[in-house]
Protein backbone atom coordinates (compact mmCIF):
# COMPACT_ATOMS: atom_id res chain seq x y z
CA MET A 1 -0.35 0.61 -0.21
CA ARG A 2 2.98 2.01 1.11
CA SER A 3 4.93 2.17 -2.25
CA ARG A 4 1.40 2.06 -4.32
CA PHE A 5 1.19 6.12 -2.30
CA LEU A 6 4.82 6.23 -3.44
CA LEU A 7 4.16 5.96 -7.32
CA ILE A 8 1.22 7.89 -7.56
CA THR A 9 2.86 10.80 -5.58
CA ALA A 10 6.20 10.15 -7.70
CA ILE A 11 3.54 10.39 -10.82
CA ILE A 12 1.59 13.25 -9.94
CA ALA A 13 4.89 15.39 -9.12
CA LEU A 14 5.97 14.01 -12.67
CA GLY A 15 3.13 15.49 -13.79
CA VAL A 16 2.86 18.77 -12.26
CA SER A 17 6.93 19.28 -13.73
CA ALA A 18 6.04 18.71 -16.97
CA ALA A 19 3.31 20.70 -16.98
CA THR A 20 4.94 23.22 -15.46
CA ALA A 21 7.91 22.99 -18.06
CA SER A 22 5.09 23.07 -20.51
CA ALA A 23 3.91 26.80 -19.14
CA ALA A 24 7.07 28.37 -20.81
CA GLU A 25 7.26 29.87 -24.23
CA VAL A 26 8.45 31.86 -26.27
CA VAL A 27 7.89 34.40 -27.96
CA TRP A 28 9.60 36.29 -30.57
CA SER A 29 9.01 39.88 -31.33
CA GLY A 30 10.24 41.32 -34.45
CA LEU A 31 11.03 44.77 -35.52
CA VAL A 32 10.74 44.26 -40.10
CA ILE A 33 10.73 46.51 -43.51
CA ALA A 34 8.46 45.90 -45.65
CA GLN A 35 9.77 46.83 -49.23
CA ASN A 36 9.23 46.15 -53.14
CA ALA A 37 12.62 45.60 -54.14
CA PRO A 38 13.77 43.90 -57.70
CA ASP A 39 15.00 41.23 -56.62
CA PRO A 40 14.06 40.68 -52.95
CA GLN A 41 15.87 38.35 -50.52
CA PRO A 42 14.58 34.85 -49.29
CA VAL A 43 12.04 36.11 -46.67
CA PRO A 44 14.28 35.51 -42.25
CA ALA A 45 13.13 31.77 -41.44
CA GLU A 46 10.92 33.85 -39.02
CA LEU A 47 8.76 34.73 -40.64
CA ALA A 48 8.61 31.53 -42.92
CA ARG A 49 5.31 30.40 -41.85
CA PHE A 50 3.32 33.35 -42.64
CA GLU A 51 5.53 34.56 -45.23
CA LYS A 52 2.08 34.72 -48.36
CA THR A 53 -0.14 36.62 -45.63
CA LEU A 54 2.39 38.73 -45.47
CA LYS A 55 2.85 39.80 -49.42
CA GLU A 56 -1.32 39.47 -49.73
CA LEU A 57 -2.16 41.86 -46.93
CA PHE A 58 0.93 44.28 -47.31
CA GLY A 59 2.06 43.72 -51.03
CA TYR A 60 5.48 43.99 -50.89
CA ASN A 61 7.32 41.54 -52.05
CA GLN A 62 10.76 41.30 -49.20
CA PHE A 63 10.95 41.60 -45.25
CA GLU A 64 13.67 42.25 -43.85
CA VAL A 65 13.93 42.31 -39.91
CA ILE A 66 15.64 44.98 -39.08
CA GLY A 67 15.70 44.66 -34.48
CA GLN A 68 14.84 41.24 -32.98
CA SER A 69 13.81 39.85 -29.24
CA ARG A 70 13.45 36.42 -28.41
CA LYS A 71 11.81 36.29 -24.60
CA THR A 72 10.95 33.03 -22.30
CA LEU A 73 7.19 33.76 -20.67
CA LYS A 74 7.03 31.70 -17.64
CA THR A 75 4.14 33.52 -16.19
CA GLY A 76 2.99 36.01 -18.63
CA GLN A 77 3.76 39.10 -16.47
CA GLU A 78 6.94 39.77 -18.02
CA ASP A 79 8.60 42.26 -20.26
CA TRP A 80 11.30 43.11 -23.41
CA LEU A 81 12.83 45.39 -26.04
CA ALA A 82 13.55 44.31 -29.49
CA SER A 83 15.37 46.97 -30.36
CA SER A 84 16.96 48.45 -33.99
CA LYS A 85 19.37 51.96 -34.42
CA TYR A 86 16.86 53.56 -34.45
CA PHE A 87 13.44 52.50 -33.65
CA GLY A 88 12.29 50.04 -30.10
CA LEU A 89 9.52 48.06 -29.77
CA ARG A 90 9.45 46.87 -25.96
CA VAL A 91 6.18 44.41 -25.17
CA ASP A 92 4.98 44.64 -21.57
CA ALA A 93 2.90 40.99 -21.09
CA ARG A 94 0.18 41.83 -18.27
CA GLY A 95 -1.72 38.17 -17.92
CA VAL A 96 -2.28 34.75 -19.77
CA ASN A 97 -5.53 32.77 -20.28
CA GLN A 98 -5.77 30.10 -22.41
CA ALA A 99 -6.35 32.07 -25.86
CA GLY A 100 -2.64 34.05 -25.28
CA TYR A 101 -0.89 37.16 -23.85
CA GLU A 102 -2.21 40.95 -22.89
CA VAL A 103 0.35 42.92 -24.35
CA ASN A 104 0.71 46.99 -23.58
CA LEU A 105 3.11 47.71 -26.73
CA LYS A 106 5.09 51.20 -26.49
CA LEU A 107 6.95 51.94 -30.25
CA PHE A 108 9.86 54.20 -30.18
CA GLN A 109 11.09 56.21 -32.79
CA GLU A 110 14.74 56.92 -31.10
CA LYS A 111 12.76 58.81 -27.90
CA GLU A 112 9.99 60.00 -29.81
CA LEU A 113 7.34 57.42 -28.61
CA LEU A 114 5.06 57.25 -31.89
CA LEU A 115 2.61 54.50 -30.69
CA GLU A 116 1.62 52.86 -27.83
CA THR A 117 -1.36 50.39 -27.23
CA GLU A 118 -3.04 47.28 -25.28
CA THR A 119 -3.42 44.31 -27.38
CA LYS A 120 -4.17 40.40 -27.26
CA LEU A 121 -1.06 38.02 -27.93
CA SER A 122 -2.75 34.91 -29.60
CA LYS A 123 -0.91 31.64 -28.84
CA ARG A 124 -2.13 30.47 -32.21
CA SER A 125 -1.78 33.14 -34.52
CA PRO A 126 0.95 36.22 -35.02
CA LEU A 127 0.52 39.70 -34.16
CA VAL A 128 1.51 41.38 -37.22
CA ILE A 129 0.53 45.65 -37.00
CA LYS A 130 1.72 48.13 -39.32
CA GLY A 131 3.98 50.72 -38.26
CA PRO A 132 5.02 53.96 -40.10
CA GLN A 133 6.27 54.43 -43.88
CA ILE A 134 10.48 54.21 -43.57
CA GLY A 135 11.36 55.25 -47.20
CA GLY A 136 9.79 52.86 -49.76
CA GLY A 137 8.44 50.92 -47.09
CA GLN A 138 6.71 50.55 -44.45
CA LEU A 139 7.68 49.19 -40.40
CA LEU A 140 5.64 46.55 -39.27
CA LEU A 141 5.60 45.58 -35.46
CA VAL A 142 5.38 40.92 -35.22
CA LEU A 143 5.45 39.08 -32.87
CA VAL A 144 4.95 35.48 -33.11
CA VAL A 145 5.00 32.73 -29.77
CA GLN A 146 6.42 29.74 -31.34
């Protein structure tokens, strides 16, 4: 009887630790320049799975990552920064539920705040926000739960 109790306790402990380990998710955040190029470069690996959708939605044939960050989320309350030479995307996760994360996004150009918004980051699909025009292209803010 005692060995049966120990076995059940061990199985429950393994299940709890496995659930905790699987709960941590990685979020990739990117600052992406979308533009039309005569000889487009291959799409970065982080954008490959939804390249066709990006091209259809925004009408550009090239996507270049100019700043990025990967953050492992354990509690759903973390914050991080994806930055490039001129732009910074501050992400403040405000909580998690089954569908995804509540996040506050702030886009800066150098020290000037260009955009602040509260949104939801789904665990099932990327979040893409159209930013300002840059030269002949467009800045895109992309967040993906990997």
